Amino acid sequence: MALALNAYKTITKVATTSPVGIYTAPTGYSGIVLLAQVANVGSQTHTITVSHQRSVSGIAVTTEIVKDFPVSANDTVSILSGKLVLEPSDILVLSGNNASNLKFIGSVLETLN
């Protein structure tokens, strides 16, 4: 069976207080993050951290895209001002300071390498 040339994915996740991988670019594909937004559905300001993680020589290297970024109550923030390319096995990691009020949504285009 032939592999798809392009596939669109929607990622949704409620942030937890511990960093968790929410998307991993699959083997043979690059993941192009087209949209990454976080909504705060709570009544107080909370903070969000979104990171890129890549294994280099067996060691996880984490690069923060936003770190402890404040999201006002009942508001949404866009995490990216452009696109982010994830190479195979790269991971998008999410955490917040509240385990129920920060909701992530993202759109990813997976394209065959």
PDB file of N, CA and C in Angstrom:
ATOM      1  N   MET A   1       0.841  -1.171   0.000  1.00  0.00           N
ATOM      2  CA  MET A   1       0.000   0.000   0.000  1.00  0.00           C
ATOM      3  C   MET A   1       0.889   1.238   0.000  1.00  0.00           C
ATOM      4  N   ALA A   2       0.585   2.185  -0.849  1.00  0.00           N
ATOM      5  CA  ALA A   2       1.373   3.411  -0.956  1.00  0.00           C
ATOM      6  C   ALA A   2       1.073   4.339   0.221  1.00  0.00           C
ATOM      7  N   LEU A   3       2.093   5.047   0.651  1.00  0.00           N
ATOM      8  CA  LEU A   3       1.920   6.021   1.723  1.00  0.00           C
ATOM      9  C   LEU A   3       1.311   7.296   1.160  1.00  0.00           C
ATOM     10  N   ALA A   4       0.487   7.966   1.975  1.00  0.00           N
ATOM     11  CA  ALA A   4      -0.118   9.227   1.559  1.00  0.00           C
ATOM     12  C   ALA A   4       0.958  10.289   1.438  1.00  0.00           C
ATOM     13  N   LEU A   5       0.849  11.109   0.404  1.00  0.00           N
ATOM     14  CA  LEU A   5       1.813  12.196   0.206  1.00  0.00           C
ATOM     15  C   LEU A   5       1.632  13.267   1.268  1.00  0.00           C
ATOM     16  N   ASN A   6       0.389  13.651   1.540  1.00  0.00           N
ATOM     17  CA  ASN A   6       0.060  14.668   2.544  1.00  0.00           C
ATOM     18  C   ASN A   6      -1.121  14.197   3.376  1.00  0.00           C
ATOM     19  N   ALA A   7      -1.092  14.509   4.655  1.00  0.00           N
ATOM     20  CA  ALA A   7      -2.203  14.201   5.552  1.00  0.00           C
ATOM     21  C   ALA A   7      -2.338  15.339   6.555  1.00  0.00           C
ATOM     22  N   TYR A   8      -3.562  15.825   6.743  1.00  0.00           N
ATOM     23  CA  TYR A   8      -3.818  16.875   7.723  1.00  0.00           C
ATOM     24  C   TYR A   8      -4.284  16.245   9.027  1.00  0.00           C
ATOM     25  N   LYS A   9      -3.789  16.777  10.129  1.00  0.00           N
ATOM     26  CA  LYS A   9      -4.147  16.280  11.456  1.00  0.00           C
ATOM     27  C   LYS A   9      -4.586  17.453  12.327  1.00  0.00           C
ATOM     28  N   THR A  10      -5.569  17.208  13.181  1.00  0.00           N
ATOM     29  CA  THR A  10      -5.968  18.173  14.202  1.00  0.00           C
ATOM     30  C   THR A  10      -5.603  17.572  15.546  1.00  0.00           C
ATOM     31  N   ILE A  11      -4.936  18.375  16.373  1.00  0.00           N
ATOM     32  CA  ILE A  11      -4.502  17.925  17.691  1.00  0.00           C
ATOM     33  C   ILE A  11      -5.252  18.741  18.734  1.00  0.00           C
ATOM     34  N   THR A  12      -5.870  18.069  19.678  1.00  0.00           N
ATOM     35  CA  THR A  12      -6.494  18.756  20.805  1.00  0.00           C
ATOM     36  C   THR A  12      -6.003  18.096  22.087  1.00  0.00           C
ATOM     37  N   LYS A  13      -5.773  18.911  23.092  1.00  0.00           N
ATOM     38  CA  LYS A  13      -5.263  18.381  24.361  1.00  0.00           C
ATOM     39  C   LYS A  13      -5.511  19.407  25.467  1.00  0.00           C
ATOM     40  N   VAL A  14      -5.950  18.935  26.607  1.00  0.00           N
ATOM     41  CA  VAL A  14      -6.026  19.785  27.795  1.00  0.00           C
ATOM     42  C   VAL A  14      -4.658  19.721  28.454  1.00  0.00           C
ATOM     43  N   ALA A  15      -4.064  20.891  28.703  1.00  0.00           N
ATOM     44  CA  ALA A  15      -2.725  20.940  29.298  1.00  0.00           C
ATOM     45  C   ALA A  15      -2.746  20.351  30.702  1.00  0.00           C
ATOM     46  N   THR A  16      -1.667  19.663  31.037  1.00  0.00           N
ATOM     47  CA  THR A  16      -1.477  19.159  32.394  1.00  0.00           C
ATOM     48  C   THR A  16      -0.339  19.944  33.032  1.00  0.00           C
ATOM     49  N   THR A  17      -0.133  19.741  34.303  1.00  0.00           N
ATOM     50  CA  THR A  17       0.930  20.482  34.987  1.00  0.00           C
ATOM     51  C   THR A  17       2.305  19.860  34.761  1.00  0.00           C
ATOM     52  N   SER A  18       2.346  18.678  34.170  1.00  0.00           N
ATOM     53  CA  SER A  18       3.613  18.045  33.802  1.00  0.00           C
ATOM     54  C   SER A  18       3.738  18.069  32.285  1.00  0.00           C
ATOM     55  N   PRO A  19       4.952  18.297  31.761  1.00  0.00           N
ATOM     56  CA  PRO A  19       5.134  18.306  30.312  1.00  0.00           C
ATOM     57  C   PRO A  19       4.746  16.962  29.688  1.00  0.00           C
ATOM     58  N   VAL A  20       3.971  17.021  28.615  1.00  0.00           N
ATOM     59  CA  VAL A  20       3.543  15.807  27.926  1.00  0.00           C
ATOM     60  C   VAL A  20       3.631  16.034  26.420  1.00  0.00           C
ATOM     61  N   GLY A  21       4.125  15.024  25.716  1.00  0.00           N
ATOM     62  CA  GLY A  21       4.194  15.100  24.259  1.00  0.00           C
ATOM     63  C   GLY A  21       2.795  15.000  23.675  1.00  0.00           C
ATOM     64  N   ILE A  22       2.419  15.971  22.841  1.00  0.00           N
ATOM     65  CA  ILE A  22       1.081  15.964  22.262  1.00  0.00           C
ATOM     66  C   ILE A  22       1.086  15.612  20.786  1.00  0.00           C
ATOM     67  N   TYR A  23       2.257  15.660  20.148  1.00  0.00           N
ATOM     68  CA  TYR A  23       2.371  15.270  18.750  1.00  0.00           C
ATOM     69  C   TYR A  23       3.814  14.872  18.481  1.00  0.00           C
ATOM     70  N   THR A  24       3.987  13.766  17.764  1.00  0.00           N
ATOM     71  CA  THR A  24       5.300  13.315  17.321  1.00  0.00           C
ATOM     72  C   THR A  24       5.247  13.129  15.814  1.00  0.00           C
ATOM     73  N   ALA A  25       6.168  13.766  15.104  1.00  0.00           N
ATOM     74  CA  ALA A  25       6.224  13.603  13.649  1.00  0.00           C
ATOM     75  C   ALA A  25       6.583  12.148  13.346  1.00  0.00           C
ATOM     76  N   PRO A  26       5.778  11.479  12.531  1.00  0.00           N
ATOM     77  CA  PRO A  26       6.015  10.056  12.272  1.00  0.00           C
ATOM     78  C   PRO A  26       7.226   9.806  11.377  1.00  0.00           C
ATOM     79  N   THR A  27       7.737   8.599  11.443  1.00  0.00           N
ATOM     80  CA  THR A  27       8.856   8.189  10.600  1.00  0.00           C
ATOM     81  C   THR A  27       8.493   8.375   9.133  1.00  0.00           C
ATOM     82  N   GLY A  28       9.394   9.010   8.391  1.00  0.00           N
ATOM     83  CA  GLY A  28       9.187   9.211   6.965  1.00  0.00           C
ATOM     84  C   GLY A  28       8.415  10.466   6.604  1.00  0.00           C
ATOM     85  N   TYR A  29       7.942  11.184   7.611  1.00  0.00           N
ATOM     86  CA  TYR A  29       7.155  12.396   7.375  1.00  0.00           C
ATOM     87  C   TYR A  29       7.728  13.579   8.151  1.00  0.00           C
ATOM     88  N   SER A  30       7.545  14.767   7.604  1.00  0.00           N
ATOM     89  CA  SER A  30       7.758  16.001   8.360  1.00  0.00           C
ATOM     90  C   SER A  30       6.387  16.504   8.766  1.00  0.00           C
ATOM     91  N   GLY A  31       6.278  17.005   9.977  1.00  0.00           N
ATOM     92  CA  GLY A  31       5.025  17.595  10.451  1.00  0.00           C
ATOM     93  C   GLY A  31       5.163  19.099  10.407  1.00  0.00           C
ATOM     94  N   ILE A  32       4.312  19.757   9.658  1.00  0.00           N
ATOM     95  CA  ILE A  32       4.343  21.212   9.573  1.00  0.00           C
ATOM     96  C   ILE A  32       3.191  21.745  10.414  1.00  0.00           C
ATOM     97  N   VAL A  33       3.520  22.390  11.520  1.00  0.00           N
ATOM     98  CA  VAL A  33       2.493  22.939  12.404  1.00  0.00           C
ATOM     99  C   VAL A  33       2.000  24.236  11.773  1.00  0.00           C
ATOM    100  N   LEU A  34       0.737  24.235  11.365  1.00  0.00           N
ATOM    101  CA  LEU A  34       0.141  25.381  10.690  1.00  0.00           C
ATOM    102  C   LEU A  34      -0.539  26.323  11.676  1.00  0.00           C
ATOM    103  N   LEU A  35      -1.058  25.767  12.761  1.00  0.00           N
ATOM    104  CA  LEU A  35      -1.795  26.533  13.765  1.00  0.00           C
ATOM    105  C   LEU A  35      -1.531  25.927  15.126  1.00  0.00           C
ATOM    106  N   ALA A  36      -1.331  26.764  16.124  1.00  0.00           N
ATOM    107  CA  ALA A  36      -1.191  26.304  17.504  1.00  0.00           C
ATOM    108  C   ALA A  36      -1.773  27.379  18.412  1.00  0.00           C
ATOM    109  N   GLN A  37      -2.904  27.072  19.043  1.00  0.00           N
ATOM    110  CA  GLN A  37      -3.572  28.032  19.915  1.00  0.00           C
ATOM    111  C   GLN A  37      -3.897  27.375  21.246  1.00  0.00           C
ATOM    112  N   VAL A  38      -3.945  28.220  22.281  1.00  0.00           N
ATOM    113  CA  VAL A  38      -4.334  27.757  23.609  1.00  0.00           C
ATOM    114  C   VAL A  38      -5.448  28.659  24.109  1.00  0.00           C
ATOM    115  N   ALA A  39      -6.528  28.038  24.560  1.00  0.00           N
ATOM    116  CA  ALA A  39      -7.646  28.768  25.151  1.00  0.00           C
ATOM    117  C   ALA A  39      -7.638  28.547  26.655  1.00  0.00           C
ATOM    118  N   ASN A  40      -7.884  29.617  27.395  1.00  0.00           N
ATOM    119  CA  ASN A  40      -8.038  29.532  28.841  1.00  0.00           C
ATOM    120  C   ASN A  40      -9.532  29.659  29.124  1.00  0.00           C
ATOM    121  N   VAL A  41     -10.155  28.560  29.512  1.00  0.00           N
ATOM    122  CA  VAL A  41     -11.593  28.558  29.763  1.00  0.00           C
ATOM    123  C   VAL A  41     -11.918  28.857  31.224  1.00  0.00           C
ATOM    124  N   GLY A  42     -10.898  29.168  32.009  1.00  0.00           N
ATOM    125  CA  GLY A  42     -11.084  29.457  33.425  1.00  0.00           C
ATOM    126  C   GLY A  42     -11.340  30.930  33.695  1.00  0.00           C
ATOM    127  N   SER A  43     -11.507  31.247  34.961  1.00  0.00           N
ATOM    128  CA  SER A  43     -11.824  32.616  35.370  1.00  0.00           C
ATOM    129  C   SER A  43     -10.614  33.378  35.913  1.00  0.00           C
ATOM    130  N   GLN A  44      -9.427  32.761  35.839  1.00  0.00           N
ATOM    131  CA  GLN A  44      -8.189  33.407  36.260  1.00  0.00           C
ATOM    132  C   GLN A  44      -7.131  33.226  35.171  1.00  0.00           C
ATOM    133  N   THR A  45      -6.126  34.111  35.160  1.00  0.00           N
ATOM    134  CA  THR A  45      -5.020  33.976  34.222  1.00  0.00           C
ATOM    135  C   THR A  45      -4.179  32.754  34.588  1.00  0.00           C
ATOM    136  N   HIS A  46      -3.807  31.980  33.572  1.00  0.00           N
ATOM    137  CA  HIS A  46      -2.939  30.821  33.754  1.00  0.00           C
ATOM    138  C   HIS A  46      -1.792  30.930  32.754  1.00  0.00           C
ATOM    139  N   THR A  47      -0.744  30.126  32.972  1.00  0.00           N
ATOM    140  CA  THR A  47       0.408  30.178  32.065  1.00  0.00           C
ATOM    141  C   THR A  47       0.559  28.852  31.324  1.00  0.00           C
ATOM    142  N   ILE A  48       1.119  28.958  30.123  1.00  0.00           N
ATOM    143  CA  ILE A  48       1.307  27.803  29.248  1.00  0.00           C
ATOM    144  C   ILE A  48       2.756  27.745  28.789  1.00  0.00           C
ATOM    145  N   THR A  49       3.280  26.543  28.629  1.00  0.00           N
ATOM    146  CA  THR A  49       4.602  26.328  28.045  1.00  0.00           C
ATOM    147  C   THR A  49       4.447  25.326  26.902  1.00  0.00           C
ATOM    148  N   VAL A  50       4.953  25.694  25.735  1.00  0.00           N
ATOM    149  CA  VAL A  50       4.952  24.814  24.573  1.00  0.00           C
ATOM    150  C   VAL A  50       6.393  24.713  24.095  1.00  0.00           C
ATOM    151  N   SER A  51       6.868  23.486  23.893  1.00  0.00           N
ATOM    152  CA  SER A  51       8.268  23.259  23.545  1.00  0.00           C
ATOM    153  C   SER A  51       8.395  22.306  22.363  1.00  0.00           C
ATOM    154  N   HIS A  52       9.568  22.382  21.733  1.00  0.00           N
ATOM    155  CA  HIS A  52       9.977  21.452  20.677  1.00  0.00           C
ATOM    156  C   HIS A  52      11.030  20.557  21.308  1.00  0.00           C
ATOM    157  N   GLN A  53      10.916  19.250  21.070  1.00  0.00           N
ATOM    158  CA  GLN A  53      11.889  18.320  21.641  1.00  0.00           C
ATOM    159  C   GLN A  53      12.432  17.413  20.537  1.00  0.00           C
ATOM    160  N   ARG A  54      13.750  17.288  20.515  1.00  0.00           N
ATOM    161  CA  ARG A  54      14.429  16.434  19.528  1.00  0.00           C
ATOM    162  C   ARG A  54      15.504  15.647  20.260  1.00  0.00           C
ATOM    163  N   SER A  55      15.666  14.391  19.868  1.00  0.00           N
ATOM    164  CA  SER A  55      16.718  13.563  20.432  1.00  0.00           C
ATOM    165  C   SER A  55      17.993  13.759  19.616  1.00  0.00           C
ATOM    166  N   VAL A  56      19.061  14.192  20.297  1.00  0.00           N
ATOM    167  CA  VAL A  56      20.361  14.385  19.660  1.00  0.00           C
ATOM    168  C   VAL A  56      21.335  13.464  20.374  1.00  0.00           C
ATOM    169  N   SER A  57      21.863  12.482  19.651  1.00  0.00           N
ATOM    170  CA  SER A  57      22.776  11.481  20.214  1.00  0.00           C
ATOM    171  C   SER A  57      22.165  10.814  21.445  1.00  0.00           C
ATOM    172  N   GLY A  58      20.857  10.542  21.385  1.00  0.00           N
ATOM    173  CA  GLY A  58      20.180   9.858  22.476  1.00  0.00           C
ATOM    174  C   GLY A  58      19.786  10.753  23.638  1.00  0.00           C
ATOM    175  N   ILE A  59      20.039  12.057  23.544  1.00  0.00           N
ATOM    176  CA  ILE A  59      19.696  12.994  24.620  1.00  0.00           C
ATOM    177  C   ILE A  59      18.584  13.914  24.129  1.00  0.00           C
ATOM    178  N   ALA A  60      17.511  14.031  24.923  1.00  0.00           N
ATOM    179  CA  ALA A  60      16.398  14.901  24.557  1.00  0.00           C
ATOM    180  C   ALA A  60      16.811  16.363  24.726  1.00  0.00           C
ATOM    181  N   VAL A  61      16.732  17.114  23.631  1.00  0.00           N
ATOM    182  CA  VAL A  61      17.036  18.551  23.656  1.00  0.00           C
ATOM    183  C   VAL A  61      15.705  19.294  23.521  1.00  0.00           C
ATOM    184  N   THR A  62      15.384  20.083  24.526  1.00  0.00           N
ATOM    185  CA  THR A  62      14.114  20.804  24.560  1.00  0.00           C
ATOM    186  C   THR A  62      14.347  22.281  24.298  1.00  0.00           C
ATOM    187  N   THR A  63      13.573  22.826  23.362  1.00  0.00           N
ATOM    188  CA  THR A  63      13.624  24.253  23.053  1.00  0.00           C
ATOM    189  C   THR A  63      12.228  24.829  23.247  1.00  0.00           C
ATOM    190  N   GLU A  64      12.118  25.767  24.161  1.00  0.00           N
ATOM    191  CA  GLU A  64      10.821  26.364  24.445  1.00  0.00           C
ATOM    192  C   GLU A  64      10.400  27.291  23.306  1.00  0.00           C
ATOM    193  N   ILE A  65       9.150  27.168  22.881  1.00  0.00           N
ATOM    194  CA  ILE A  65       8.557  28.095  21.923  1.00  0.00           C
ATOM    195  C   ILE A  65       7.961  29.259  22.703  1.00  0.00           C
ATOM    196  N   VAL A  66       7.207  28.945  23.747  1.00  0.00           N
ATOM    197  CA  VAL A  66       6.779  29.919  24.756  1.00  0.00           C
ATOM    198  C   VAL A  66       6.956  29.245  26.105  1.00  0.00           C
ATOM    199  N   LYS A  67       7.363  30.014  27.102  1.00  0.00           N
ATOM    200  CA  LYS A  67       7.572  29.463  28.438  1.00  0.00           C
ATOM    201  C   LYS A  67       6.831  30.324  29.453  1.00  0.00           C
ATOM    202  N   ASP A  68       5.968  29.682  30.225  1.00  0.00           N
ATOM    203  CA  ASP A  68       5.179  30.366  31.250  1.00  0.00           C
ATOM    204  C   ASP A  68       4.480  31.597  30.665  1.00  0.00           C
ATOM    205  N   PHE A  69       3.909  31.417  29.479  1.00  0.00           N
ATOM    206  CA  PHE A  69       3.230  32.513  28.775  1.00  0.00           C
ATOM    207  C   PHE A  69       1.839  32.702  29.365  1.00  0.00           C
ATOM    208  N   PRO A  70       1.509  33.918  29.811  1.00  0.00           N
ATOM    209  CA  PRO A  70       0.207  34.135  30.436  1.00  0.00           C
ATOM    210  C   PRO A  70      -0.934  34.143  29.415  1.00  0.00           C
ATOM    211  N   VAL A  71      -2.009  33.443  29.778  1.00  0.00           N
ATOM    212  CA  VAL A  71      -3.226  33.433  28.975  1.00  0.00           C
ATOM    213  C   VAL A  71      -4.333  33.959  29.886  1.00  0.00           C
ATOM    214  N   SER A  72      -4.876  35.109  29.538  1.00  0.00           N
ATOM    215  CA  SER A  72      -5.913  35.734  30.355  1.00  0.00           C
ATOM    216  C   SER A  72      -7.154  34.850  30.436  1.00  0.00           C
ATOM    217  N   ALA A  73      -7.936  35.055  31.477  1.00  0.00           N
ATOM    218  CA  ALA A  73      -9.188  34.312  31.659  1.00  0.00           C
ATOM    219  C   ALA A  73     -10.090  34.507  30.453  1.00  0.00           C
ATOM    220  N   ASN A  74     -10.718  33.425  30.029  1.00  0.00           N
ATOM    221  CA  ASN A  74     -11.662  33.446  28.900  1.00  0.00           C
ATOM    222  C   ASN A  74     -11.067  34.071  27.651  1.00  0.00           C
ATOM    223  N   ASP A  75      -9.804  33.758  27.374  1.00  0.00           N
ATOM    224  CA  ASP A  75      -9.121  34.307  26.199  1.00  0.00           C
ATOM    225  C   ASP A  75      -8.348  33.194  25.506  1.00  0.00           C
ATOM    226  N   THR A  76      -7.893  33.484  24.292  1.00  0.00           N
ATOM    227  CA  THR A  76      -7.117  32.539  23.490  1.00  0.00           C
ATOM    228  C   THR A  76      -5.860  33.225  22.998  1.00  0.00           C
ATOM    229  N   VAL A  77      -4.746  32.486  22.956  1.00  0.00           N
ATOM    230  CA  VAL A  77      -3.505  33.034  22.402  1.00  0.00           C
ATOM    231  C   VAL A  77      -3.014  32.112  21.286  1.00  0.00           C
ATOM    232  N   SER A  78      -2.380  32.722  20.296  1.00  0.00           N
ATOM    233  CA  SER A  78      -1.740  31.978  19.225  1.00  0.00           C
ATOM    234  C   SER A  78      -0.287  31.774  19.626  1.00  0.00           C
ATOM    235  N   ILE A  79       0.162  30.540  19.600  1.00  0.00           N
ATOM    236  CA  ILE A  79       1.508  30.200  20.050  1.00  0.00           C
ATOM    237  C   ILE A  79       2.542  30.473  18.962  1.00  0.00           C
ATOM    238  N   LEU A  80       2.155  30.325  17.697  1.00  0.00           N
ATOM    239  CA  LEU A  80       3.081  30.511  16.585  1.00  0.00           C
ATOM    240  C   LEU A  80       2.672  31.706  15.744  1.00  0.00           C
ATOM    241  N   SER A  81       3.657  32.476  15.291  1.00  0.00           N
ATOM    242  CA  SER A  81       3.361  33.566  14.355  1.00  0.00           C
ATOM    243  C   SER A  81       3.604  33.123  12.921  1.00  0.00           C
ATOM    244  N   GLY A  82       4.156  31.936  12.754  1.00  0.00           N
ATOM    245  CA  GLY A  82       4.410  31.359  11.430  1.00  0.00           C
ATOM    246  C   GLY A  82       4.264  29.856  11.526  1.00  0.00           C
ATOM    247  N   LYS A  83       4.913  29.145  10.665  1.00  0.00           N
ATOM    248  CA  LYS A  83       4.841  27.683  10.664  1.00  0.00           C
ATOM    249  C   LYS A  83       6.064  27.096  11.372  1.00  0.00           C
ATOM    250  N   LEU A  84       5.901  25.903  11.889  1.00  0.00           N
ATOM    251  CA  LEU A  84       6.985  25.195  12.566  1.00  0.00           C
ATOM    252  C   LEU A  84       7.126  23.827  11.919  1.00  0.00           C
ATOM    253  N   VAL A  85       8.318  23.502  11.436  1.00  0.00           N
ATOM    254  CA  VAL A  85       8.563  22.211  10.800  1.00  0.00           C
ATOM    255  C   VAL A  85       9.165  21.254  11.828  1.00  0.00           C
ATOM    256  N   LEU A  86       8.515  20.113  11.983  1.00  0.00           N
ATOM    257  CA  LEU A  86       9.003  19.064  12.869  1.00  0.00           C
ATOM    258  C   LEU A  86       9.534  17.923  12.008  1.00  0.00           C
ATOM    259  N   GLU A  87      10.781  17.586  12.194  1.00  0.00           N
ATOM    260  CA  GLU A  87      11.383  16.472  11.468  1.00  0.00           C
ATOM    261  C   GLU A  87      10.911  15.164  12.100  1.00  0.00           C
ATOM    262  N   PRO A  88      11.067  14.038  11.381  1.00  0.00           N
ATOM    263  CA  PRO A  88      10.636  12.762  11.949  1.00  0.00           C
ATOM    264  C   PRO A  88      11.169  12.556  13.364  1.00  0.00           C
ATOM    265  N   SER A  89      10.294  12.134  14.256  1.00  0.00           N
ATOM    266  CA  SER A  89      10.565  11.864  15.679  1.00  0.00           C
ATOM    267  C   SER A  89      10.623  13.114  16.545  1.00  0.00           C
ATOM    268  N   ASP A  90      10.560  14.332  15.976  1.00  0.00           N
ATOM    269  CA  ASP A  90      10.462  15.541  16.800  1.00  0.00           C
ATOM    270  C   ASP A  90       9.116  15.528  17.527  1.00  0.00           C
ATOM    271  N   ILE A  91       9.096  16.110  18.725  1.00  0.00           N
ATOM    272  CA  ILE A  91       7.903  16.070  19.567  1.00  0.00           C
ATOM    273  C   ILE A  91       7.497  17.493  19.947  1.00  0.00           C
ATOM    274  N   LEU A  92       6.204  17.760  19.920  1.00  0.00           N
ATOM    275  CA  LEU A  92       5.640  19.004  20.430  1.00  0.00           C
ATOM    276  C   LEU A  92       5.164  18.703  21.844  1.00  0.00           C
ATOM    277  N   VAL A  93       5.659  19.486  22.816  1.00  0.00           N
ATOM    278  CA  VAL A  93       5.419  19.211  24.231  1.00  0.00           C
ATOM    279  C   VAL A  93       4.620  20.363  24.839  1.00  0.00           C
ATOM    280  N   LEU A  94       3.660  20.029  25.706  1.00  0.00           N
ATOM    281  CA  LEU A  94       2.745  21.011  26.295  1.00  0.00           C
ATOM    282  C   LEU A  94       2.678  20.838  27.801  1.00  0.00           C
ATOM    283  N   SER A  95       2.623  21.961  28.533  1.00  0.00           N
ATOM    284  CA  SER A  95       2.328  21.933  29.969  1.00  0.00           C
ATOM    285  C   SER A  95       1.784  23.291  30.374  1.00  0.00           C
ATOM    286  N   GLY A  96       1.083  23.312  31.482  1.00  0.00           N
ATOM    287  CA  GLY A  96       0.528  24.564  31.999  1.00  0.00           C
ATOM    288  C   GLY A  96       0.563  24.565  33.508  1.00  0.00           C
ATOM    289  N   ASN A  97       0.139  25.676  34.092  1.00  0.00           N
ATOM    290  CA  ASN A  97       0.134  25.737  35.555  1.00  0.00           C
ATOM    291  C   ASN A  97      -1.232  25.357  36.122  1.00  0.00           C
ATOM    292  N   ASN A  98      -2.141  24.897  35.248  1.00  0.00           N
ATOM    293  CA  ASN A  98      -3.469  24.466  35.653  1.00  0.00           C
ATOM    294  C   ASN A  98      -3.804  23.214  34.857  1.00  0.00           C
ATOM    295  N   ALA A  99      -4.394  22.237  35.500  1.00  0.00           N
ATOM    296  CA  ALA A  99      -4.609  20.942  34.843  1.00  0.00           C
ATOM    297  C   ALA A  99      -5.978  20.778  34.207  1.00  0.00           C
ATOM    298  N   SER A 100      -6.765  21.852  34.110  1.00  0.00           N
ATOM    299  CA  SER A 100      -8.087  21.663  33.509  1.00  0.00           C
ATOM    300  C   SER A 100      -8.564  22.830  32.647  1.00  0.00           C
ATOM    301  N   ASN A 101      -7.971  24.005  32.776  1.00  0.00           N
ATOM    302  CA  ASN A 101      -8.509  25.188  32.107  1.00  0.00           C
ATOM    303  C   ASN A 101      -7.783  25.603  30.831  1.00  0.00           C
ATOM    304  N   LEU A 102      -6.644  25.002  30.530  1.00  0.00           N
ATOM    305  CA  LEU A 102      -5.878  25.385  29.343  1.00  0.00           C
ATOM    306  C   LEU A 102      -6.046  24.319  28.266  1.00  0.00           C
ATOM    307  N   LYS A 103      -6.661  24.724  27.147  1.00  0.00           N
ATOM    308  CA  LYS A 103      -6.971  23.780  26.080  1.00  0.00           C
ATOM    309  C   LYS A 103      -6.221  24.147  24.810  1.00  0.00           C
ATOM    310  N   PHE A 104      -5.465  23.184  24.286  1.00  0.00           N
ATOM    311  CA  PHE A 104      -4.656  23.368  23.089  1.00  0.00           C
ATOM    312  C   PHE A 104      -5.403  22.831  21.875  1.00  0.00           C
ATOM    313  N   ILE A 105      -5.283  23.553  20.750  1.00  0.00           N
ATOM    314  CA  ILE A 105      -5.723  23.026  19.465  1.00  0.00           C
ATOM    315  C   ILE A 105      -4.662  23.382  18.439  1.00  0.00           C
ATOM    316  N   GLY A 106      -4.361  22.421  17.591  1.00  0.00           N
ATOM    317  CA  GLY A 106      -3.335  22.637  16.574  1.00  0.00           C
ATOM    318  C   GLY A 106      -3.684  21.928  15.285  1.00  0.00           C
ATOM    319  N   SER A 107      -3.175  22.453  14.193  1.00  0.00           N
ATOM    320  CA  SER A 107      -3.322  21.831  12.881  1.00  0.00           C
ATOM    321  C   SER A 107      -1.941  21.506  12.358  1.00  0.00           C
ATOM    322  N   VAL A 108      -1.771  20.281  11.881  1.00  0.00           N
ATOM    323  CA  VAL A 108      -0.482  19.815  11.383  1.00  0.00           C
ATOM    324  C   VAL A 108      -0.680  19.208   9.986  1.00  0.00           C
ATOM    325  N   LEU A 109       0.202  19.573   9.080  1.00  0.00           N
ATOM    326  CA  LEU A 109       0.267  18.943   7.765  1.00  0.00           C
ATOM    327  C   LEU A 109       1.440  17.975   7.787  1.00  0.00           C
ATOM    328  N   GLU A 110       1.153  16.681   7.656  1.00  0.00           N
ATOM    329  CA  GLU A 110       2.214  15.689   7.560  1.00  0.00           C
ATOM    330  C   GLU A 110       2.504  15.491   6.075  1.00  0.00           C
ATOM    331  N   THR A 111       3.770  15.671   5.708  1.00  0.00           N
ATOM    332  CA  THR A 111       4.149  15.521   4.308  1.00  0.00           C
ATOM    333  C   THR A 111       5.262  14.488   4.183  1.00  0.00           C
ATOM    334  N   LEU A 112       5.122  13.627   3.209  1.00  0.00           N
ATOM    335  CA  LEU A 112       6.074  12.540   3.006  1.00  0.00           C
ATOM    336  C   LEU A 112       7.450  13.080   2.638  1.00  0.00           C
ATOM    337  N   ASN A 113       8.482  12.571   3.299  1.00  0.00           N
ATOM    338  CA  ASN A 113       9.851  13.004   3.005  1.00  0.00           C
ATOM    339  C   ASN A 113      10.388  12.317   1.767  1.00  0.00           C
TER     340      ASN A 113
END
